[in-house]
PDB file of all heavy atoms in Angstrom:
ATOM      1  N   GLU A   1      -6.479  12.922   5.777  1.00  0.00           N
ATOM      2  CA  GLU A   1      -5.704  13.936   5.036  1.00  0.00           C
ATOM      3  C   GLU A   1      -6.669  14.954   4.481  1.00  0.00           C
ATOM      4  O   GLU A   1      -6.404  16.172   4.491  1.00  0.00           O
ATOM      5  CB  GLU A   1      -4.899  13.304   3.934  1.00  0.00           C
ATOM      6  CG  GLU A   1      -4.029  14.308   3.157  1.00  0.00           C
ATOM      7  CD  GLU A   1      -3.214  13.652   2.067  1.00  0.00           C
ATOM      8  OE1 GLU A   1      -3.763  12.826   1.330  1.00  0.00           O
ATOM      9  OE2 GLU A   1      -2.013  14.007   1.938  1.00  0.00           O
ATOM     10  N   ALA A   2      -7.825  14.517   3.913  1.00  0.00           N
ATOM     11  CA  ALA A   2      -8.811  15.425   3.375  1.00  0.00           C
ATOM     12  C   ALA A   2      -9.394  16.363   4.444  1.00  0.00           C
ATOM     13  O   ALA A   2      -9.779  17.493   4.138  1.00  0.00           O
ATOM     14  CB  ALA A   2      -9.973  14.646   2.716  1.00  0.00           C
ATOM     15  N   GLU A   3      -9.434  15.907   5.677  1.00  0.00           N
ATOM     16  CA  GLU A   3      -9.898  16.721   6.791  1.00  0.00           C
ATOM     17  C   GLU A   3      -8.820  17.652   7.360  1.00  0.00           C
ATOM     18  O   GLU A   3      -9.089  18.437   8.259  1.00  0.00           O
ATOM     19  CB  GLU A   3     -10.464  15.846   7.910  1.00  0.00           C
ATOM     20  CG  GLU A   3     -11.710  15.074   7.505  1.00  0.00           C
ATOM     21  CD  GLU A   3     -12.226  14.198   8.621  1.00  0.00           C
ATOM     22  OE1 GLU A   3     -11.748  14.338   9.789  1.00  0.00           O
ATOM     23  OE2 GLU A   3     -13.120  13.379   8.362  1.00  0.00           O
ATOM     24  N   GLY A   4      -7.622  17.532   6.834  1.00  0.00           N
ATOM     25  CA  GLY A   4      -6.544  18.396   7.278  1.00  0.00           C
ATOM     26  C   GLY A   4      -5.842  17.942   8.538  1.00  0.00           C
ATOM     27  O   GLY A   4      -5.077  18.705   9.158  1.00  0.00           O
ATOM     28  N   LEU A   5      -6.096  16.728   8.972  1.00  0.00           N
ATOM     29  CA  LEU A   5      -5.472  16.226  10.195  1.00  0.00           C
ATOM     30  C   LEU A   5      -4.161  15.512   9.962  1.00  0.00           C
ATOM     31  O   LEU A   5      -3.313  15.473  10.840  1.00  0.00           O
ATOM     32  CB  LEU A   5      -6.453  15.291  10.944  1.00  0.00           C
ATOM     33  CG  LEU A   5      -7.718  15.942  11.480  1.00  0.00           C
ATOM     34  CD1 LEU A   5      -8.625  14.932  12.110  1.00  0.00           C
ATOM     35  CD2 LEU A   5      -7.374  17.051  12.497  1.00  0.00           C
ATOM     36  N   LEU A   6      -4.015  14.881   8.775  1.00  0.00           N
ATOM     37  CA  LEU A   6      -2.792  14.183   8.442  1.00  0.00           C
ATOM     38  C   LEU A   6      -2.228  14.758   7.138  1.00  0.00           C
ATOM     39  O   LEU A   6      -2.941  15.278   6.316  1.00  0.00           O
ATOM     40  CB  LEU A   6      -3.056  12.674   8.253  1.00  0.00           C
ATOM     41  CG  LEU A   6      -3.507  11.846   9.445  1.00  0.00           C
ATOM     42  CD1 LEU A   6      -3.626  10.377   9.032  1.00  0.00           C
ATOM     43  CD2 LEU A   6      -2.541  11.984  10.613  1.00  0.00           C
ATOM     44  N   ARG A   7      -0.892  14.601   7.000  1.00  0.00           N
ATOM     45  CA  ARG A   7      -0.198  14.885   5.741  1.00  0.00           C
ATOM     46  C   ARG A   7       0.572  13.632   5.370  1.00  0.00           C
ATOM     47  O   ARG A   7       1.438  13.206   6.159  1.00  0.00           O
ATOM     48  CB  ARG A   7       0.694  16.097   5.863  1.00  0.00           C
ATOM     49  CG  ARG A   7       1.323  16.565   4.545  1.00  0.00           C
ATOM     50  CD  ARG A   7       2.155  17.830   4.753  1.00  0.00           C
ATOM     51  NE  ARG A   7       1.312  18.912   5.258  1.00  0.00           N
ATOM     52  CZ  ARG A   7       1.603  19.691   6.295  1.00  0.00           C
ATOM     53  NH1 ARG A   7       2.731  19.434   6.983  1.00  0.00           N
ATOM     54  NH2 ARG A   7       0.804  20.646   6.683  1.00  0.00           N
ATOM     55  N   LEU A   8       0.269  13.051   4.219  1.00  0.00           N
ATOM     56  CA  LEU A   8       0.866  11.760   3.854  1.00  0.00           C
ATOM     57  C   LEU A   8       2.149  11.926   3.044  1.00  0.00           C
ATOM     58  O   LEU A   8       2.229  12.796   2.141  1.00  0.00           O
ATOM     59  CB  LEU A   8      -0.150  10.944   3.034  1.00  0.00           C
ATOM     60  CG  LEU A   8      -1.535  10.759   3.689  1.00  0.00           C
ATOM     61  CD1 LEU A   8      -2.381   9.834   2.841  1.00  0.00           C
ATOM     62  CD2 LEU A   8      -1.377  10.190   5.114  1.00  0.00           C
ATOM     63  N   TYR A   9       3.133  11.106   3.385  1.00  0.00           N
ATOM     64  CA  TYR A   9       4.392  11.084   2.683  1.00  0.00           C
ATOM     65  C   TYR A   9       4.678   9.638   2.236  1.00  0.00           C
ATOM     66  O   TYR A   9       4.849   8.759   3.059  1.00  0.00           O
ATOM     67  CB  TYR A   9       5.541  11.545   3.599  1.00  0.00           C
ATOM     68  CG  TYR A   9       5.416  12.999   4.017  1.00  0.00           C
ATOM     69  CD1 TYR A   9       4.795  13.368   5.223  1.00  0.00           C
ATOM     70  CD2 TYR A   9       5.938  14.028   3.199  1.00  0.00           C
ATOM     71  CE1 TYR A   9       4.675  14.716   5.581  1.00  0.00           C
ATOM     72  CE2 TYR A   9       5.844  15.344   3.574  1.00  0.00           C
ATOM     73  CZ  TYR A   9       5.215  15.693   4.774  1.00  0.00           C
ATOM     74  OH  TYR A   9       5.098  16.999   5.140  1.00  0.00           O
ATOM     75  N   PRO A  10       4.676   9.425   0.906  1.00  0.00           N
ATOM     76  CA  PRO A  10       4.891   8.051   0.388  1.00  0.00           C
ATOM     77  C   PRO A  10       6.153   7.425   0.972  1.00  0.00           C
ATOM     78  O   PRO A  10       7.210   8.045   1.019  1.00  0.00           O
ATOM     79  CB  PRO A  10       5.008   8.293  -1.133  1.00  0.00           C
ATOM     80  CG  PRO A  10       4.220   9.539  -1.364  1.00  0.00           C
ATOM     81  CD  PRO A  10       4.464  10.405  -0.158  1.00  0.00           C
ATOM     82  N   LYS A  11       5.996   6.176   1.416  1.00  0.00           N
ATOM     83  CA  LYS A  11       7.095   5.351   1.939  1.00  0.00           C
ATOM     84  C   LYS A  11       7.654   5.854   3.274  1.00  0.00           C
ATOM     85  O   LYS A  11       8.560   5.267   3.819  1.00  0.00           O
ATOM     86  CB  LYS A  11       8.207   5.239   0.932  1.00  0.00           C
ATOM     87  CG  LYS A  11       7.801   4.582  -0.385  1.00  0.00           C
ATOM     88  CD  LYS A  11       8.978   4.451  -1.348  1.00  0.00           C
ATOM     89  CE  LYS A  11       8.558   3.765  -2.634  1.00  0.00           C
ATOM     90  NZ  LYS A  11       9.676   3.635  -3.600  1.00  0.00           N
ATOM     91  N   ARG A  12       7.127   6.958   3.784  1.00  0.00           N
ATOM     92  CA  ARG A  12       7.588   7.516   5.056  1.00  0.00           C
ATOM     93  C   ARG A  12       6.536   7.426   6.159  1.00  0.00           C
ATOM     94  O   ARG A  12       6.867   7.242   7.327  1.00  0.00           O
ATOM     95  CB  ARG A  12       8.065   8.950   4.891  1.00  0.00           C
ATOM     96  CG  ARG A  12       9.315   9.116   4.066  1.00  0.00           C
ATOM     97  CD  ARG A  12       9.682  10.570   3.936  1.00  0.00           C
ATOM     98  NE  ARG A  12       9.816  11.231   5.242  1.00  0.00           N
ATOM     99  CZ  ARG A  12       9.844  12.570   5.404  1.00  0.00           C
ATOM    100  NH1 ARG A  12       9.769  13.372   4.338  1.00  0.00           N
ATOM    101  NH2 ARG A  12       9.962  13.060   6.604  1.00  0.00           N
ATOM    102  N   GLY A  13       5.273   7.597   5.790  1.00  0.00           N
ATOM    103  CA  GLY A  13       4.226   7.534   6.781  1.00  0.00           C
ATOM    104  C   GLY A  13       3.330   8.740   6.718  1.00  0.00           C
ATOM    105  O   GLY A  13       3.222   9.418   5.692  1.00  0.00           O
ATOM    106  N   ALA A  14       2.684   9.042   7.833  1.00  0.00           N
ATOM    107  CA  ALA A  14       1.743  10.140   7.912  1.00  0.00           C
ATOM    108  C   ALA A  14       2.160  11.100   9.064  1.00  0.00           C
ATOM    109  O   ALA A  14       2.398  10.644  10.199  1.00  0.00           O
ATOM    110  CB  ALA A  14       0.339   9.619   8.172  1.00  0.00           C
ATOM    111  N   LEU A  15       2.203  12.363   8.746  1.00  0.00           N
ATOM    112  CA  LEU A  15       2.512  13.384   9.736  1.00  0.00           C
ATOM    113  C   LEU A  15       1.208  13.934  10.306  1.00  0.00           C
ATOM    114  O   LEU A  15       0.302  14.276   9.561  1.00  0.00           O
ATOM    115  CB  LEU A  15       3.318  14.526   9.088  1.00  0.00           C
ATOM    116  CG  LEU A  15       3.553  15.764   9.975  1.00  0.00           C
ATOM    117  CD1 LEU A  15       4.568  15.485  11.047  1.00  0.00           C
ATOM    118  CD2 LEU A  15       3.977  16.965   9.103  1.00  0.00           C
ATOM    119  N   VAL A  16       1.100  14.008  11.620  1.00  0.00           N
ATOM    120  CA  VAL A  16      -0.030  14.661  12.252  1.00  0.00           C
ATOM    121  C   VAL A  16       0.147  16.167  12.141  1.00  0.00           C
ATOM    122  O   VAL A  16       1.149  16.727  12.653  1.00  0.00           O
ATOM    123  CB  VAL A  16      -0.168  14.260  13.737  1.00  0.00           C
ATOM    124  CG1 VAL A  16      -1.359  14.961  14.384  1.00  0.00           C
ATOM    125  CG2 VAL A  16      -0.306  12.746  13.867  1.00  0.00           C
ATOM    126  N   VAL A  17      -0.744  16.812  11.419  1.00  0.00           N
ATOM    127  CA  VAL A  17      -0.589  18.242  11.143  1.00  0.00           C
ATOM    128  C   VAL A  17      -0.780  19.009  12.451  1.00  0.00           C
ATOM    129  O   VAL A  17      -1.783  18.873  13.136  1.00  0.00           O
ATOM    130  CB  VAL A  17      -1.632  18.718  10.116  1.00  0.00           C
ATOM    131  CG1 VAL A  17      -1.511  20.207   9.871  1.00  0.00           C
ATOM    132  CG2 VAL A  17      -1.446  17.949   8.800  1.00  0.00           C
ATOM    133  N   PRO A  18       0.216  19.839  12.802  1.00  0.00           N
ATOM    134  CA  PRO A  18       0.079  20.626  14.046  1.00  0.00           C
ATOM    135  C   PRO A  18      -1.041  21.662  13.944  1.00  0.00           C
ATOM    136  O   PRO A  18      -1.429  22.076  12.854  1.00  0.00           O
ATOM    137  CB  PRO A  18       1.444  21.347  14.172  1.00  0.00           C
ATOM    138  CG  PRO A  18       2.371  20.552  13.278  1.00  0.00           C
ATOM    139  CD  PRO A  18       1.508  20.020  12.180  1.00  0.00           C
ATOM    140  N   VAL A  19      -1.588  22.032  15.104  1.00  0.00           N
ATOM    141  CA  VAL A  19      -2.591  23.090  15.150  1.00  0.00           C
ATOM    142  C   VAL A  19      -1.874  24.418  14.842  1.00  0.00           C
ATOM    143  O   VAL A  19      -0.951  24.792  15.546  1.00  0.00           O
ATOM    144  CB  VAL A  19      -3.276  23.146  16.522  1.00  0.00           C
ATOM    145  CG1 VAL A  19      -4.239  24.345  16.580  1.00  0.00           C
ATOM    146  CG2 VAL A  19      -4.004  21.861  16.800  1.00  0.00           C
ATOM    147  N   ALA A  20      -2.321  25.105  13.797  1.00  0.00           N
ATOM    148  CA  ALA A  20      -1.701  26.368  13.435  1.00  0.00           C
ATOM    149  C   ALA A  20      -2.177  27.475  14.379  1.00  0.00           C
ATOM    150  O   ALA A  20      -3.337  27.472  14.803  1.00  0.00           O
ATOM    151  CB  ALA A  20      -2.079  26.734  11.994  1.00  0.00           C
ATOM    152  N   PRO A  21      -1.313  28.425  14.725  1.00  0.00           N
ATOM    153  CA  PRO A  21      -1.717  29.543  15.600  1.00  0.00           C
ATOM    154  C   PRO A  21      -2.942  30.258  15.092  1.00  0.00           C
ATOM    155  O   PRO A  21      -3.824  30.628  15.834  1.00  0.00           O
ATOM    156  CB  PRO A  21      -0.466  30.434  15.616  1.00  0.00           C
ATOM    157  CG  PRO A  21       0.672  29.521  15.342  1.00  0.00           C
ATOM    158  CD  PRO A  21       0.131  28.491  14.392  1.00  0.00           C
ATOM    159  N   GLY A  22      -2.999  30.471  13.783  1.00  0.00           N
ATOM    160  CA  GLY A  22      -4.174  31.179  13.213  1.00  0.00           C
ATOM    161  C   GLY A  22      -5.438  30.397  13.385  1.00  0.00           C
ATOM    162  O   GLY A  22      -6.511  30.956  13.625  1.00  0.00           O
ATOM    163  N   GLU A  23      -5.346  29.040  13.296  1.00  0.00           N
ATOM    164  CA  GLU A  23      -6.538  28.209  13.477  1.00  0.00           C
ATOM    165  C   GLU A  23      -7.047  28.316  14.916  1.00  0.00           C
ATOM    166  O   GLU A  23      -8.255  28.391  15.149  1.00  0.00           O
ATOM    167  CB  GLU A  23      -6.190  26.751  13.166  1.00  0.00           C
ATOM    168  CG  GLU A  23      -7.341  25.796  13.390  1.00  0.00           C
ATOM    169  CD  GLU A  23      -6.982  24.336  13.186  1.00  0.00           C
ATOM    170  OE1 GLU A  23      -5.836  24.066  12.775  1.00  0.00           O
ATOM    171  OE2 GLU A  23      -7.838  23.483  13.425  1.00  0.00           O
ATOM    172  N   ALA A  24      -6.132  28.331  15.868  1.00  0.00           N
ATOM    173  CA  ALA A  24      -6.514  28.453  17.268  1.00  0.00           C
ATOM    174  C   ALA A  24      -7.302  29.744  17.529  1.00  0.00           C
ATOM    175  O   ALA A  24      -8.342  29.774  18.164  1.00  0.00           O
ATOM    176  CB  ALA A  24      -5.307  28.369  18.177  1.00  0.00           C
ATOM    177  N   ASP A  25      -6.763  30.850  16.984  1.00  0.00           N
ATOM    178  CA  ASP A  25      -7.451  32.144  17.155  1.00  0.00           C
ATOM    179  C   ASP A  25      -8.823  32.129  16.525  1.00  0.00           C
ATOM    180  O   ASP A  25      -9.807  32.653  17.077  1.00  0.00           O
ATOM    181  CB  ASP A  25      -6.594  33.271  16.561  1.00  0.00           C
ATOM    182  CG  ASP A  25      -5.380  33.597  17.400  1.00  0.00           C
ATOM    183  OD1 ASP A  25      -5.390  33.282  18.618  1.00  0.00           O
ATOM    184  OD2 ASP A  25      -4.405  34.132  16.867  1.00  0.00           O
ATOM    185  N   ASP A  26      -8.919  31.542  15.338  1.00  0.00           N
ATOM    186  CA  ASP A  26     -10.198  31.499  14.635  1.00  0.00           C
ATOM    187  C   ASP A  26     -11.235  30.728  15.418  1.00  0.00           C
ATOM    188  O   ASP A  26     -12.415  31.124  15.546  1.00  0.00           O
ATOM    189  CB  ASP A  26     -10.032  30.878  13.235  1.00  0.00           C
ATOM    190  CG  ASP A  26      -9.292  31.804  12.257  1.00  0.00           C
ATOM    191  OD1 ASP A  26      -9.140  32.991  12.577  1.00  0.00           O
ATOM    192  OD2 ASP A  26      -8.905  31.304  11.188  1.00  0.00           O
ATOM    193  N   VAL A  27     -10.816  29.560  15.945  1.00  0.00           N
ATOM    194  CA  VAL A  27     -11.762  28.718  16.683  1.00  0.00           C
ATOM    195  C   VAL A  27     -12.207  29.415  17.972  1.00  0.00           C
ATOM    196  O   VAL A  27     -13.389  29.402  18.337  1.00  0.00           O
ATOM    197  CB  VAL A  27     -11.121  27.350  17.018  1.00  0.00           C
ATOM    198  CG1 VAL A  27     -11.983  26.568  17.999  1.00  0.00           C
ATOM    199  CG2 VAL A  27     -10.935  26.567  15.730  1.00  0.00           C
ATOM    200  N   LEU A  28     -11.283  30.050  18.672  1.00  0.00           N
ATOM    201  CA  LEU A  28     -11.628  30.729  19.933  1.00  0.00           C
ATOM    202  C   LEU A  28     -12.538  31.927  19.661  1.00  0.00           C
ATOM    203  O   LEU A  28     -13.478  32.174  20.426  1.00  0.00           O
ATOM    204  CB  LEU A  28     -10.355  31.170  20.666  1.00  0.00           C
ATOM    205  CG  LEU A  28      -9.503  30.016  21.207  1.00  0.00           C
ATOM    206  CD1 LEU A  28      -8.211  30.537  21.791  1.00  0.00           C
ATOM    207  CD2 LEU A  28     -10.265  29.223  22.249  1.00  0.00           C
ATOM    208  N   ASP A  29     -12.272  32.690  18.608  1.00  0.00           N
ATOM    209  CA  ASP A  29     -13.140  33.802  18.261  1.00  0.00           C
ATOM    210  C   ASP A  29     -14.546  33.321  17.916  1.00  0.00           C
ATOM    211  O   ASP A  29     -15.553  33.929  18.303  1.00  0.00           O
ATOM    212  CB  ASP A  29     -12.575  34.591  17.079  1.00  0.00           C
ATOM    213  CG  ASP A  29     -11.343  35.394  17.475  1.00  0.00           C
ATOM    214  OD1 ASP A  29     -11.102  35.577  18.671  1.00  0.00           O
ATOM    215  OD2 ASP A  29     -10.623  35.859  16.539  1.00  0.00           O
ATOM    216  N   ALA A  30     -14.622  32.201  17.180  1.00  0.00           N
ATOM    217  CA  ALA A  30     -15.915  31.652  16.820  1.00  0.00           C
ATOM    218  C   ALA A  30     -16.666  31.143  18.059  1.00  0.00           C
ATOM    219  O   ALA A  30     -17.871  31.328  18.181  1.00  0.00           O
ATOM    220  CB  ALA A  30     -15.749  30.510  15.812  1.00  0.00           C
ATOM    221  N   ARG A  31     -15.929  30.522  18.961  1.00  0.00           N
ATOM    222  CA  ARG A  31     -16.566  30.068  20.199  1.00  0.00           C
ATOM    223  C   ARG A  31     -17.163  31.203  20.978  1.00  0.00           C
ATOM    224  O   ARG A  31     -18.267  31.113  21.529  1.00  0.00           O
ATOM    225  CB  ARG A  31     -15.545  29.327  21.067  1.00  0.00           C
ATOM    226  CG  ARG A  31     -15.236  27.913  20.615  1.00  0.00           C
ATOM    227  CD  ARG A  31     -14.212  27.246  21.511  1.00  0.00           C
ATOM    228  NE  ARG A  31     -14.624  27.279  22.902  1.00  0.00           N
ATOM    229  CZ  ARG A  31     -13.847  26.888  23.914  1.00  0.00           C
ATOM    230  NH1 ARG A  31     -12.619  26.480  23.675  1.00  0.00           N
ATOM    231  NH2 ARG A  31     -14.302  26.896  25.130  1.00  0.00           N
ATOM    232  N   LEU A  32     -16.461  32.332  21.065  1.00  0.00           N
ATOM    233  CA  LEU A  32     -16.964  33.481  21.810  1.00  0.00           C
ATOM    234  C   LEU A  32     -18.271  33.978  21.216  1.00  0.00           C
ATOM    235  O   LEU A  32     -19.267  34.163  21.926  1.00  0.00           O
ATOM    236  CB  LEU A  32     -15.915  34.611  21.795  1.00  0.00           C
ATOM    237  CG  LEU A  32     -16.324  35.890  22.502  1.00  0.00           C
ATOM    238  CD1 LEU A  32     -16.554  35.637  23.996  1.00  0.00           C
ATOM    239  CD2 LEU A  32     -15.290  36.958  22.308  1.00  0.00           C
ATOM    240  N   LEU A  33     -18.283  34.139  19.924  1.00  0.00           N
ATOM    241  CA  LEU A  33     -19.496  34.646  19.253  1.00  0.00           C
ATOM    242  C   LEU A  33     -20.675  33.671  19.440  1.00  0.00           C
ATOM    243  O   LEU A  33     -21.772  34.090  19.785  1.00  0.00           O
ATOM    244  CB  LEU A  33     -19.241  34.825  17.764  1.00  0.00           C
ATOM    245  CG  LEU A  33     -18.278  35.976  17.380  1.00  0.00           C
ATOM    246  CD1 LEU A  33     -17.996  35.933  15.891  1.00  0.00           C
ATOM    247  CD2 LEU A  33     -18.861  37.318  17.780  1.00  0.00           C
ATOM    248  N   VAL A  34     -20.413  32.404  19.227  1.00  0.00           N
ATOM    249  CA  VAL A  34     -21.495  31.414  19.325  1.00  0.00           C
ATOM    250  C   VAL A  34     -21.997  31.253  20.728  1.00  0.00           C
ATOM    251  O   VAL A  34     -23.208  31.261  20.967  1.00  0.00           O
ATOM    252  CB  VAL A  34     -20.999  30.061  18.746  1.00  0.00           C
ATOM    253  CG1 VAL A  34     -22.005  28.967  19.050  1.00  0.00           C
ATOM    254  CG2 VAL A  34     -20.760  30.149  17.243  1.00  0.00           C
ATOM    255  N   GLU A  35     -21.107  31.128  21.708  1.00  0.00           N
ATOM    256  CA  GLU A  35     -21.527  30.806  23.052  1.00  0.00           C
ATOM    257  C   GLU A  35     -22.156  32.001  23.780  1.00  0.00           C
ATOM    258  O   GLU A  35     -23.075  31.835  24.549  1.00  0.00           O
ATOM    259  CB  GLU A  35     -20.368  30.193  23.834  1.00  0.00           C
ATOM    260  CG  GLU A  35     -19.978  28.846  23.265  1.00  0.00           C
ATOM    261  CD  GLU A  35     -18.931  28.103  24.089  1.00  0.00           C
ATOM    262  OE1 GLU A  35     -19.082  28.060  25.313  1.00  0.00           O
ATOM    263  OE2 GLU A  35     -17.979  27.594  23.488  1.00  0.00           O
ATOM    264  N   VAL A  36     -21.665  33.192  23.515  1.00  0.00           N
ATOM    265  CA  VAL A  36     -22.280  34.367  24.135  1.00  0.00           C
ATOM    266  C   VAL A  36     -23.690  34.561  23.582  1.00  0.00           C
ATOM    267  O   VAL A  36     -24.635  34.856  24.295  1.00  0.00           O
ATOM    268  CB  VAL A  36     -21.420  35.616  23.894  1.00  0.00           C
ATOM    269  CG1 VAL A  36     -22.194  36.874  24.285  1.00  0.00           C
ATOM    270  CG2 VAL A  36     -20.142  35.533  24.720  1.00  0.00           C
ATOM    271  N   HIS A  37     -23.838  34.341  22.265  1.00  0.00           N
ATOM    272  CA  HIS A  37     -25.175  34.453  21.676  1.00  0.00           C
ATOM    273  C   HIS A  37     -26.080  33.349  22.206  1.00  0.00           C
ATOM    274  O   HIS A  37     -27.237  33.612  22.542  1.00  0.00           O
ATOM    275  CB  HIS A  37     -25.097  34.376  20.154  1.00  0.00           C
ATOM    276  CG  HIS A  37     -26.432  34.547  19.476  1.00  0.00           C
ATOM    277  ND1 HIS A  37     -26.956  35.766  19.190  1.00  0.00           N
ATOM    278  CD2 HIS A  37     -27.344  33.617  19.051  1.00  0.00           C
ATOM    279  CE1 HIS A  37     -28.142  35.616  18.628  1.00  0.00           C
ATOM    280  NE2 HIS A  37     -28.399  34.315  18.528  1.00  0.00           N
TER     281      HIS A  37
END
């Protein structure tokens, strides 16, 4: 949960946090900068 992968709900369980569209764009942009360099 601290890493942002799970969201805990008491007595219900743990939800796997979906990949947010903004996160995908951020990671891909970072990959481009890092790998081209």
